[in-house]
Protein backbone atom coordinates (compact mmCIF):
# COMPACT_ATOMS: atom_id res chain seq x y z
CA UNK A 1 -15.22 20.30 -22.43
CA UNK A 2 -17.07 21.26 -19.25
CA UNK A 3 -15.46 21.62 -15.84
CA UNK A 4 -17.34 18.59 -14.48
CA UNK A 5 -16.19 16.44 -17.39
CA UNK A 6 -12.60 17.49 -16.83
CA UNK A 7 -12.74 16.75 -13.12
CA UNK A 8 -14.05 13.26 -13.79
CA UNK A 9 -11.07 12.67 -16.06
CA UNK A 10 -8.56 13.74 -13.43
CA UNK A 11 -8.49 10.52 -11.46
CA UNK A 12 -7.76 10.13 -7.77
CA UNK A 13 -7.94 6.95 -5.72
CA UNK A 14 -6.44 5.68 -2.52
CA UNK A 15 -2.75 4.79 -2.62
CA UNK A 16 -3.02 1.15 -3.76
CA UNK A 17 -5.31 1.97 -6.66
CA UNK A 18 -2.98 4.83 -7.56
CA UNK A 19 -0.17 2.32 -8.04
CA UNK A 20 -2.39 0.62 -10.61
CA UNK A 21 -3.10 3.98 -12.22
CA UNK A 22 0.59 4.85 -12.57
CA UNK A 23 1.38 1.42 -13.94
CA UNK A 24 -1.40 1.84 -16.48
CA UNK A 25 -0.17 5.29 -17.51
CA UNK A 26 3.39 4.01 -17.78
CA UNK A 27 2.33 1.12 -19.99
CA UNK A 28 0.05 3.08 -22.32
CA UNK A 29 2.02 6.33 -22.51
CA UNK A 30 0.34 9.26 -24.29
CA UNK A 31 -2.37 7.08 -25.86
CA UNK A 32 -4.59 7.20 -22.78
CA UNK A 33 -7.95 9.04 -23.09
CA UNK A 34 -7.23 10.73 -19.74
CA UNK A 35 -6.15 14.35 -19.76
CA UNK A 36 -4.28 14.25 -16.46
CA UNK A 37 -3.96 12.38 -13.19
CA UNK A 38 -3.02 13.02 -9.56
CA UNK A 39 -1.56 10.60 -7.04
CA UNK A 40 -1.15 10.91 -3.29
CA UNK A 41 1.14 8.84 -1.05
CA UNK A 42 1.69 6.20 -3.71
CA UNK A 43 3.98 3.29 -2.93
CA UNK A 44 6.70 3.53 -5.58
CA UNK A 45 8.66 0.39 -4.85
CA UNK A 46 6.70 -2.52 -3.38
CA UNK A 47 9.82 -4.20 -2.02
CA UNK A 48 10.82 -1.06 -0.12
CA UNK A 49 7.27 -0.54 1.11
CA UNK A 50 7.17 -4.08 2.52
CA UNK A 51 10.57 -3.70 4.17
CA UNK A 52 9.49 -0.47 5.82
CA UNK A 53 6.28 -1.99 7.13
CA UNK A 54 8.21 -4.96 8.51
CA UNK A 55 10.28 -2.85 10.87
CA UNK A 56 9.27 -3.78 14.44
CA UNK A 57 7.29 -0.67 15.33
CA UNK A 58 5.64 -0.39 11.92
CA UNK A 59 4.75 -4.09 12.02
CA UNK A 60 3.12 -3.60 15.41
CA UNK A 61 1.25 -0.42 14.47
CA UNK A 62 0.25 -1.17 10.88
CA UNK A 63 1.42 -4.38 9.26
CA UNK A 64 -0.13 -7.01 11.51
CA UNK A 65 -3.48 -5.22 11.69
CA UNK A 66 -3.67 -4.72 7.93
CA UNK A 67 -2.76 -8.38 7.41
CA UNK A 68 -5.65 -9.48 9.61
CA UNK A 69 -7.96 -7.20 7.63
CA UNK A 70 -6.86 -8.83 4.38
CA UNK A 71 -7.34 -12.26 5.88
CA UNK A 72 -10.79 -11.37 7.11
CA UNK A 73 -11.77 -10.11 3.65
CA UNK A 74 -10.80 -13.30 1.84
CA UNK A 75 -11.93 -15.64 4.59
CA UNK A 76 -15.51 -14.50 4.05
CA UNK A 77 -15.32 -16.06 0.61
CA UNK A 78 -12.80 -18.84 1.25
CA UNK A 79 -14.97 -21.38 -0.55
CA UNK A 80 -14.18 -19.52 -3.78
CA UNK A 81 -10.42 -19.85 -3.31
CA UNK A 82 -9.86 -23.32 -1.85
CA UNK A 83 -9.05 -24.81 -5.25
CA UNK A 84 -6.36 -22.21 -5.99
CA UNK A 85 -4.68 -21.64 -2.62
CA UNK A 86 -4.18 -23.26 0.78
CA UNK A 87 -6.52 -21.05 2.80
CA UNK A 88 -5.34 -22.42 6.15
CA UNK A 89 -1.81 -21.38 5.17
CA UNK A 90 -3.06 -17.94 4.10
CA UNK A 91 -4.79 -17.43 7.45
CA UNK A 92 -1.49 -18.03 9.26
CA UNK A 93 0.28 -15.13 7.51
CA UNK A 94 1.78 -12.61 9.94
CA UNK A 95 2.60 -9.84 7.47
CA UNK A 96 1.38 -8.33 4.24
CA UNK A 97 4.35 -9.85 2.43
CA UNK A 98 3.43 -13.33 3.69
CA UNK A 99 -0.19 -12.77 2.70
CA UNK A 100 0.85 -11.64 -0.77
CA UNK A 101 3.16 -14.62 -1.16
CA UNK A 102 0.52 -17.11 -0.11
CA UNK A 103 -2.57 -15.52 -1.66
CA UNK A 104 -2.28 -12.41 -3.85
CA UNK A 105 0.59 -13.48 -6.11
CA UNK A 106 -0.93 -16.94 -6.52
CA UNK A 107 -4.40 -15.68 -7.37
CA UNK A 108 -3.03 -13.33 -10.02
CA UNK A 109 -0.90 -16.02 -11.63
CA UNK A 110 2.58 -14.84 -10.70
CA UNK A 111 5.35 -17.42 -10.49
CA UNK A 112 6.86 -15.82 -7.37
CA UNK A 113 6.13 -12.94 -5.04
CA UNK A 114 9.20 -11.17 -6.42
CA UNK A 115 7.62 -11.26 -9.89
CA UNK A 116 4.41 -9.83 -8.43
CA UNK A 117 6.15 -7.07 -6.48
CA UNK A 118 8.29 -6.12 -9.48
CA UNK A 119 5.24 -5.83 -11.70
CA UNK A 120 3.31 -3.88 -9.06
CA UNK A 121 6.01 -1.23 -8.54
CA UNK A 122 5.24 1.93 -10.58
CA UNK A 123 8.70 3.47 -10.19
CA UNK A 124 10.03 1.59 -13.21
CA UNK A 125 7.28 2.90 -15.50
CA UNK A 126 7.29 6.55 -14.46
CA UNK A 127 9.59 7.53 -17.31
CA UNK A 128 6.95 6.45 -19.85
CA UNK A 129 4.01 8.47 -18.46
CA UNK A 130 2.70 10.62 -21.31
CA UNK A 131 0.16 12.97 -19.68
CA UNK A 132 0.47 15.57 -16.90
CA UNK A 133 0.64 13.80 -13.55
CA UNK A 134 0.91 15.37 -10.11
CA UNK A 135 2.50 13.08 -7.51
CA UNK A 136 2.37 14.16 -3.86
CA UNK A 137 4.41 12.19 -1.31
CA UNK A 138 5.69 12.78 2.18
CA UNK A 139 9.20 11.74 3.15
CA UNK A 140 7.95 10.52 6.56
CA UNK A 141 5.44 8.07 5.03
CA UNK A 142 6.19 4.60 6.46
CA UNK A 143 4.10 3.04 3.68
CA UNK A 144 6.27 4.66 1.02
CA UNK A 145 9.82 5.26 2.32
CA UNK A 146 11.62 8.30 1.00
CA UNK A 147 14.67 6.42 -0.32
CA UNK A 148 12.42 4.58 -2.78
CA UNK A 149 10.81 7.69 -4.28
CA UNK A 150 12.04 7.97 -7.91
CA UNK A 151 13.15 11.59 -7.77
CA UNK A 152 15.71 11.40 -10.59
CA UNK A 153 13.29 9.57 -12.89
CA UNK A 154 10.63 12.20 -12.25
CA UNK A 155 13.10 14.94 -13.16
CA UNK A 156 13.63 13.32 -16.54
CA UNK A 157 9.94 13.27 -17.47
CA UNK A 158 8.44 16.74 -18.15
CA UNK A 159 4.94 15.31 -17.69
CA UNK A 160 5.58 14.47 -14.04
CA UNK A 161 5.41 16.95 -11.15
CA UNK A 162 6.70 15.22 -8.01
CA UNK A 163 5.89 17.20 -4.86
CA UNK A 164 7.58 16.11 -1.62
CA UNK A 165 6.79 17.36 1.87
CA UNK A 166 8.80 16.84 5.05
CA UNK A 167 5.73 15.74 6.96
CA UNK A 168 2.33 14.39 6.05
CA UNK A 169 2.49 10.69 6.75
CA UNK A 170 0.36 8.44 4.58
CA UNK A 171 -2.46 10.42 2.95
CA UNK A 172 -2.40 12.84 5.87
CA UNK A 173 -0.99 16.29 5.00
CA UNK A 174 -3.02 17.90 7.80
CA UNK A 175 -2.48 21.54 8.68
CA UNK A 176 -2.83 23.52 11.90
CA UNK A 177 -3.20 22.52 15.53
CA UNK A 178 -6.82 21.49 15.00
CA UNK A 179 -6.96 20.35 11.37
CA UNK A 180 -10.66 20.55 10.69
CA UNK A 181 -10.59 22.45 7.44
CA UNK A 182 -9.15 21.52 4.05
CA UNK A 183 -5.73 19.90 4.06
CA UNK A 184 -2.59 20.65 2.09
CA UNK A 185 -3.50 17.72 -0.15
CA UNK A 186 -6.91 19.30 -0.81
CA UNK A 187 -5.35 22.63 -1.74
CA UNK A 188 -2.74 21.10 -4.04
CA UNK A 189 -5.36 19.02 -5.83
CA UNK A 190 -7.62 22.06 -6.23
CA UNK A 191 -4.76 24.06 -7.73
CA UNK A 192 -3.91 21.21 -10.07
CA UNK A 193 -7.50 20.92 -11.28
CA UNK A 194 -7.68 24.67 -11.82
CA UNK A 195 -4.42 24.61 -13.80
CA UNK A 196 -5.75 21.83 -16.00
CA UNK A 197 -9.02 23.69 -16.57
CA UNK A 198 -7.23 26.89 -17.53
CA UNK A 199 -4.17 25.50 -19.32
CA UNK A 200 -4.89 21.84 -20.07
CA UNK A 201 -5.24 22.48 -23.81
CA UNK A 202 -1.85 24.19 -23.89
CA UNK A 203 -0.23 21.27 -22.06
CA UNK A 204 -1.75 18.70 -24.37
CA UNK A 205 -0.26 20.52 -27.37
CA UNK A 206 3.26 20.68 -25.98
């Protein structure tokens, strides 16, 4: 296997897609064709993530703006959704949770938003991950609060390396006064890729 092929099999996405990745890995276990995966700033518990973003300052800085972005995205194609959801009701949502209740959970066929958020939370499937996975989170990430990070579950799965930093925010992990070079996240990912290139075969045989 070439280095380029290996790198393409070590998947990285933004945090929301990484929740999907972890859920997939937890469902399929060791049967996945992937050799390894890395996640950064993933939201482990969707309920806790929503609660954190609904705190007054976080709502003002992040939640309301992101909700309007979601509304703008679906409003461009509202003619496609009018038969499934009340688009006027969707456009009145003031938080991501309200948007998910009125649009996302309905469009994906969930009975309630609680059902959707339960299914979307990767913390409950971490124990079943069957390939090497590096998970980098910061304890000051308002999108993924520290109390919801499944530390004990990660300890019980030898395939999971959970790396926590005191600072880093949400997909930040900047370094230095003027962070113009590679970040801590870049360096950790590079080291992980190198370890998989050099020792991936050994890990897969464990």
